[in-house]
Protein backbone atom coordinates (compact mmCIF):
# COMPACT_ATOMS: atom_id res chain seq x y z
CA UNK A 1 -0.13 0.10 -0.15
CA UNK A 2 1.26 3.16 -0.84
CA UNK A 3 2.10 6.35 1.54
CA UNK A 4 0.99 9.58 1.63
CA UNK A 5 3.00 12.59 0.34
CA UNK A 6 2.38 16.51 0.45
CA UNK A 7 1.32 15.92 -3.52
CA UNK A 8 -1.17 13.35 -2.16
CA UNK A 9 -2.69 15.12 0.95
CA UNK A 10 -3.37 18.18 -1.58
CA UNK A 11 -4.85 15.94 -4.20
CA UNK A 12 -8.17 16.36 -2.81
CA UNK A 13 -9.50 18.85 -0.11
CA UNK A 14 -11.29 15.81 1.90
CA UNK A 15 -7.74 14.77 2.37
CA UNK A 16 -6.36 17.07 4.60
CA UNK A 17 -10.03 17.61 6.74
CA UNK A 18 -9.61 13.24 6.99
CA UNK A 19 -6.17 13.86 8.48
CA UNK A 20 -6.96 16.40 10.84
CA UNK A 21 -10.64 14.88 12.20
CA UNK A 22 -7.94 11.92 12.57
CA UNK A 23 -5.68 13.36 14.82
CA UNK A 24 -8.17 15.38 16.98
CA UNK A 25 -10.18 12.21 17.41
CA UNK A 26 -6.70 10.55 18.93
CA UNK A 27 -7.56 7.80 15.70
CA UNK A 28 -4.54 6.05 15.31
CA UNK A 29 -2.62 6.15 12.00
CA UNK A 30 -0.92 3.37 10.41
CA UNK A 31 3.27 3.59 9.84
CA UNK A 32 5.31 1.22 7.74
CA UNK A 33 5.41 -2.19 9.20
CA UNK A 34 1.66 -2.19 9.91
CA UNK A 35 2.37 -0.46 13.18
CA UNK A 36 -0.13 2.15 14.53
CA UNK A 37 0.36 5.63 16.18
CA UNK A 38 -1.44 8.16 18.10
CA UNK A 39 -0.45 11.89 17.23
CA UNK A 40 -0.28 14.92 19.30
CA UNK A 41 -1.48 17.69 17.20
CA UNK A 42 1.79 20.24 15.91
CA UNK A 43 1.24 23.98 16.24
CA UNK A 44 -0.45 25.32 12.78
CA UNK A 45 -0.98 22.13 11.72
CA UNK A 46 -4.71 22.60 10.35
CA UNK A 47 -3.23 25.77 8.50
CA UNK A 48 -0.40 24.05 6.85
CA UNK A 49 -2.40 20.74 6.05
CA UNK A 50 -5.16 23.38 4.11
CA UNK A 51 -3.21 26.32 2.80
CA UNK A 52 0.47 25.14 3.20
CA UNK A 53 3.06 24.77 0.42
CA UNK A 54 4.55 21.49 -0.33
CA UNK A 55 7.82 22.56 1.32
CA UNK A 56 5.93 23.16 4.51
CA UNK A 57 3.76 20.27 4.41
CA UNK A 58 7.09 18.00 3.86
CA UNK A 59 9.42 19.85 6.94
CA UNK A 60 6.24 19.55 9.05
CA UNK A 61 6.64 16.83 12.03
CA UNK A 62 4.59 14.92 14.06
CA UNK A 63 5.02 13.30 17.75
CA UNK A 64 3.42 10.39 18.85
CA UNK A 65 1.84 9.60 22.22
CA UNK A 66 4.88 6.94 22.66
CA UNK A 67 7.19 9.96 21.89
CA UNK A 68 8.02 8.99 18.34
CA UNK A 69 8.73 11.44 15.55
CA UNK A 70 7.24 11.16 12.19
CA UNK A 71 6.66 12.92 8.71
CA UNK A 72 3.79 13.03 6.36
CA UNK A 73 5.69 10.31 4.22
CA UNK A 74 5.75 7.82 6.92
CA UNK A 75 2.32 7.58 6.98
CA UNK A 76 0.03 4.80 4.94
CA UNK A 77 -2.43 5.98 2.60
CA UNK A 78 -5.02 3.65 3.91
CA UNK A 79 -8.68 2.94 2.95
CA UNK A 80 -9.43 6.60 4.76
CA UNK A 81 -7.32 8.65 2.17
CA UNK A 82 -8.76 7.00 -0.74
CA UNK A 83 -6.42 3.53 -0.73
CA UNK A 84 -7.44 0.64 -1.76
CA UNK A 85 -9.99 -1.37 0.40
CA UNK A 86 -13.97 -0.94 1.92
CA UNK A 87 -14.07 2.27 3.09
CA UNK A 88 -12.62 4.45 0.40
CA UNK A 89 -15.95 6.14 -0.87
CA UNK A 90 -17.31 6.27 2.41
CA UNK A 91 -14.15 8.50 3.60
CA UNK A 92 -14.93 11.12 0.97
CA UNK A 93 -18.90 11.33 1.82
CA UNK A 94 -17.55 11.94 5.21
CA UNK A 95 -15.30 14.75 3.86
CA UNK A 96 -18.11 16.07 2.12
CA UNK A 97 -20.11 16.54 5.31
CA UNK A 98 -17.34 17.87 7.36
CA UNK A 99 -16.41 20.30 4.90
CA UNK A 100 -20.31 21.62 4.83
CA UNK A 101 -21.03 21.46 8.53
CA UNK A 102 -17.81 23.68 8.62
CA UNK A 103 -19.16 26.28 6.18
CA UNK A 104 -22.71 26.08 8.08
CA UNK A 105 -20.58 27.30 11.31
CA UNK A 106 -18.78 29.77 9.66
CA UNK A 107 -22.32 31.46 8.15
CA UNK A 108 -23.99 30.98 11.50
CA UNK A 109 -21.25 33.41 13.38
CA UNK A 110 -21.00 35.41 10.27
CA UNK A 111 -24.92 35.98 10.54
CA UNK A 112 -24.75 36.01 14.40
CA UNK A 113 -27.49 33.49 14.55
CA UNK A 114 -28.13 29.69 15.84
CA UNK A 115 -29.32 29.27 12.21
CA UNK A 116 -29.20 30.18 8.64
CA UNK A 117 -31.64 29.98 6.20
CA UNK A 118 -31.16 27.46 2.95
CA UNK A 119 -32.94 27.79 0.16
CA UNK A 120 -33.46 24.37 -1.58
CA UNK A 121 -35.57 24.63 -4.79
CA UNK A 122 -38.66 26.22 -3.83
CA UNK A 123 -38.30 25.57 -0.32
CA UNK A 124 -36.51 27.44 2.66
CA UNK A 125 -35.21 25.62 5.28
CA UNK A 126 -34.02 27.06 8.91
CA UNK A 127 -30.77 25.05 9.44
CA UNK A 128 -28.37 24.57 12.26
CA UNK A 129 -25.84 21.53 11.43
CA UNK A 130 -25.55 19.04 8.54
CA UNK A 131 -25.38 15.19 10.22
CA UNK A 132 -24.40 12.07 8.76
CA UNK A 133 -27.86 9.65 7.67
CA UNK A 134 -27.13 6.56 9.58
CA UNK A 135 -27.54 2.87 8.06
CA UNK A 136 -27.67 2.83 4.35
CA UNK A 137 -30.32 4.38 2.91
CA UNK A 138 -30.11 6.78 -0.32
CA UNK A 139 -29.27 10.05 1.86
CA UNK A 140 -25.55 10.34 3.05
CA UNK A 141 -26.23 13.13 5.41
CA UNK A 142 -28.77 15.36 6.02
CA UNK A 143 -29.72 18.87 7.41
CA UNK A 144 -31.38 19.56 10.88
CA UNK A 145 -32.78 22.35 12.82
CA UNK A 146 -32.27 24.12 15.79
CA UNK A 147 -34.18 20.91 17.50
CA UNK A 148 -32.42 18.47 15.71
CA UNK A 149 -35.01 17.88 13.47
CA UNK A 150 -34.39 16.44 10.13
CA UNK A 151 -35.62 18.88 7.56
CA UNK A 152 -33.52 18.06 4.13
CA UNK A 153 -31.49 14.77 2.79
CA UNK A 154 -28.60 14.57 0.76
CA UNK A 155 -27.22 12.00 -1.45
CA UNK A 156 -23.74 12.78 -2.15
CA UNK A 157 -21.00 11.18 -5.25
CA UNK A 158 -17.88 11.67 -5.17
CA UNK A 159 -15.80 13.23 -8.32
CA UNK A 160 -16.62 15.53 -11.19
CA UNK A 161 -17.90 13.10 -14.04
CA UNK A 162 -20.26 10.10 -14.40
CA UNK A 163 -16.88 8.05 -15.20
CA UNK A 164 -16.64 8.20 -11.11
CA UNK A 165 -19.73 7.07 -10.30
CA UNK A 166 -20.27 2.97 -9.34
CA UNK A 167 -23.96 3.10 -10.12
CA UNK A 168 -27.17 4.95 -9.06
CA UNK A 169 -28.56 2.02 -6.89
CA UNK A 170 -29.16 -1.42 -6.63
CA UNK A 171 -32.10 -3.89 -7.37
CA UNK A 172 -32.13 -6.37 -4.68
CA UNK A 173 -34.98 -7.75 -3.44
CA UNK A 174 -33.71 -7.66 0.09
CA UNK A 175 -32.65 -3.95 -0.28
CA UNK A 176 -34.79 -2.68 -2.76
CA UNK A 177 -37.82 -4.84 -3.06
CA UNK A 178 -39.99 -1.97 -4.53
CA UNK A 179 -37.56 -1.68 -7.13
CA UNK A 180 -37.14 -5.57 -7.68
CA UNK A 181 -40.33 -6.15 -8.17
CA UNK A 182 -40.83 -3.37 -11.09
CA UNK A 183 -41.70 -5.17 -14.33
CA UNK A 184 -38.79 -3.45 -16.61
CA UNK A 185 -36.27 -4.96 -13.64
CA UNK A 186 -37.56 -8.47 -13.68
CA UNK A 187 -38.08 -8.72 -17.63
CA UNK A 188 -34.18 -7.38 -17.44
CA UNK A 189 -33.21 -10.05 -14.90
CA UNK A 190 -35.25 -13.08 -17.59
CA UNK A 191 -33.80 -11.66 -20.41
CA UNK A 192 -30.12 -11.70 -18.87
CA UNK A 193 -30.64 -15.22 -18.09
CA UNK A 194 -31.90 -16.30 -21.11
CA UNK A 195 -28.94 -14.36 -23.21
CA UNK A 196 -26.08 -15.34 -21.05
CA UNK A 197 -27.42 -19.08 -19.26
CA UNK A 198 -23.42 -19.43 -18.34
CA UNK A 199 -23.00 -16.06 -17.37
CA UNK A 200 -21.34 -12.97 -18.93
CA UNK A 201 -18.37 -12.95 -21.04
CA UNK A 202 -14.98 -11.60 -19.28
CA UNK A 203 -14.82 -7.69 -19.82
CA UNK A 204 -18.40 -7.63 -21.07
CA UNK A 205 -20.87 -4.97 -19.88
CA UNK A 206 -24.43 -5.07 -21.26
CA UNK A 207 -27.00 -1.80 -20.67
CA UNK A 208 -30.88 -1.54 -21.80
CA UNK A 209 -32.40 1.98 -21.29
CA UNK A 210 -35.11 1.97 -18.68
CA UNK A 211 -38.72 3.55 -20.22
CA UNK A 212 -40.41 4.37 -16.55
CA UNK A 213 -39.32 7.65 -15.57
CA UNK A 214 -40.30 6.97 -12.11
CA UNK A 215 -38.00 3.80 -11.68
CA UNK A 216 -34.94 6.22 -13.03
CA UNK A 217 -35.64 9.15 -10.19
CA UNK A 218 -36.27 6.15 -7.56
CA UNK A 219 -32.71 4.96 -8.48
CA UNK A 220 -31.15 8.64 -8.31
CA UNK A 221 -33.46 10.02 -5.48
CA UNK A 222 -34.61 7.13 -3.30
CA UNK A 223 -37.07 4.36 -3.28
CA UNK A 224 -39.74 6.83 -1.76
CA UNK A 225 -39.69 8.73 -4.56
CA UNK A 226 -43.13 11.08 -4.98
CA UNK A 227 -43.78 11.01 -1.53
CA UNK A 228 -42.61 13.37 1.22
CA UNK A 229 -38.77 14.25 1.24
CA UNK A 230 -36.97 11.64 3.42
CA UNK A 231 -33.81 9.73 3.62
CA UNK A 232 -35.39 7.57 0.95
CA UNK A 233 -36.44 10.33 -1.32
CA UNK A 234 -33.09 12.86 -1.09
CA UNK A 235 -33.98 16.73 -1.67
CA UNK A 236 -30.71 17.14 -3.40
CA UNK A 237 -28.35 14.94 -5.30
CA UNK A 238 -24.60 16.83 -5.34
CA UNK A 239 -21.57 15.06 -6.95
CA UNK A 240 -18.20 16.65 -5.80
CA UNK A 241 -16.86 19.04 -3.38
CA UNK A 242 -19.60 20.85 -1.60
CA UNK A 243 -20.22 24.85 -1.41
CA UNK A 244 -22.57 26.68 0.76
CA UNK A 245 -22.98 30.62 -0.41
CA UNK A 246 -25.31 33.17 0.25
CA UNK A 247 -27.66 34.46 -2.50
CA UNK A 248 -29.57 37.38 -1.33
CA UNK A 249 -30.99 36.67 2.32
CA UNK A 250 -30.51 33.13 1.88
CA UNK A 251 -28.16 30.48 1.56
CA UNK A 252 -27.69 27.88 -1.53
CA UNK A 253 -25.89 24.57 -1.48
CA UNK A 254 -24.36 23.63 -4.74
CA UNK A 255 -21.48 21.38 -5.99
CA UNK A 256 -19.98 20.41 -9.37
CA UNK A 257 -23.15 18.68 -10.35
CA UNK A 258 -26.36 19.86 -8.42
CA UNK A 259 -29.57 18.24 -8.61
CA UNK A 260 -33.08 19.12 -6.80
CA UNK A 261 -35.11 16.33 -6.09
CA UNK A 262 -36.92 15.84 -9.39
CA UNK A 263 -34.50 17.05 -12.06
CA UNK A 264 -33.71 14.42 -15.02
CA UNK A 265 -30.42 12.64 -15.34
CA UNK A 266 -29.57 12.87 -19.07
CA UNK A 267 -26.81 12.05 -21.62
CA UNK A 268 -23.70 10.18 -19.56
CA UNK A 269 -25.58 10.24 -16.52
CA UNK A 270 -29.03 8.73 -17.29
CA UNK A 271 -30.08 5.91 -15.25
CA UNK A 272 -30.05 2.42 -17.37
CA UNK A 273 -30.17 -1.45 -16.01
CA UNK A 274 -26.13 -2.52 -16.45
CA UNK A 275 -25.19 -6.42 -16.14
CA UNK A 276 -21.30 -6.14 -15.82
CA UNK A 277 -18.86 -9.01 -16.01
CA UNK A 278 -17.61 -9.68 -11.95
CA UNK A 279 -16.21 -13.06 -11.69
CA UNK A 280 -17.20 -13.27 -7.65
CA UNK A 281 -20.65 -11.80 -8.16
CA UNK A 282 -23.89 -14.11 -9.38
CA UNK A 283 -26.47 -11.74 -9.16
CA UNK A 284 -30.30 -12.90 -9.66
CA UNK A 285 -28.23 -16.20 -10.33
CA UNK A 286 -26.57 -14.47 -13.55
CA UNK A 287 -23.05 -16.60 -12.94
CA UNK A 288 -20.01 -14.09 -12.89
CA UNK A 289 -22.26 -10.76 -12.60
CA UNK A 290 -22.88 -7.76 -11.26
CA UNK A 291 -26.44 -6.04 -12.11
CA UNK A 292 -27.42 -2.32 -10.82
CA UNK A 293 -28.91 0.80 -12.13
CA UNK A 294 -25.85 3.38 -13.63
CA UNK A 295 -25.23 6.00 -14.95
CA UNK A 296 -25.18 5.37 -18.98
CA UNK A 297 -21.60 6.83 -19.30
CA UNK A 298 -20.11 5.59 -15.91
CA UNK A 299 -17.91 2.89 -17.74
CA UNK A 300 -17.53 1.61 -21.48
CA UNK A 301 -20.75 -0.49 -22.35
CA UNK A 302 -19.86 -3.67 -24.65
CA UNK A 303 -23.32 -4.20 -25.81
CA UNK A 304 -26.98 -2.58 -25.61
CA UNK A 305 -29.85 -5.29 -25.34
């Protein structure tokens, strides 16, 4: 596994935030040899990690609670920093949430108020904070009012293009029963079993356009689409770094791509059925195959069916 460096820590704006959070929470860092150390925050750590030059980052030294002294390149780029392994994508969502929380806090201080007004679509919400949504619903984090009541929900994806998506959502009977039972879903599964009785060939991805708009919306915003906004019917879908900006008397949340509930996804972002060769998967009994609803342009499609 690779190690961190000045260029690696500055590659994405969420990496310094994760590093600072780990130090403050006394969460251990992995160093060479699989050893783990807990760090004491050095002077000006936050300023240097966020805004410092490569020279300043390389000169930064960290002392562990055991007395060891380490430089940035001594730390392993674990999954929290986007290294290989389960949890890398979650770390990016955590970083986006941390950034939004800080921006809300800064805006409240500027306004001299316990809340700020955030406008999403045609509605304005009184917001005190942003909080991680527990479990695995469509919402990754949500906005709360002064009493802690959830008022708006956000689905967040990393990156800037559809090529950085894995999927819009799954179709399993256990996790997504309403989507699983949809006639178009059932037909796609049956057709895949018929067309590929021995499973997909290696390096094969086949796709099919979805006709039902509501099914597309359910895959993007959540399986309760059409009902009240909730953890399973998100108010916003964001991709990339999250920004909070003031527009008139209210604030607005944006990202590299910003979509309010009900916005259609077009071009490379269009939700389609996708069957992907995956040797260790056999979704719906289709050998060596992963089946999802995904953006049309997220990967090279070898055939439309």
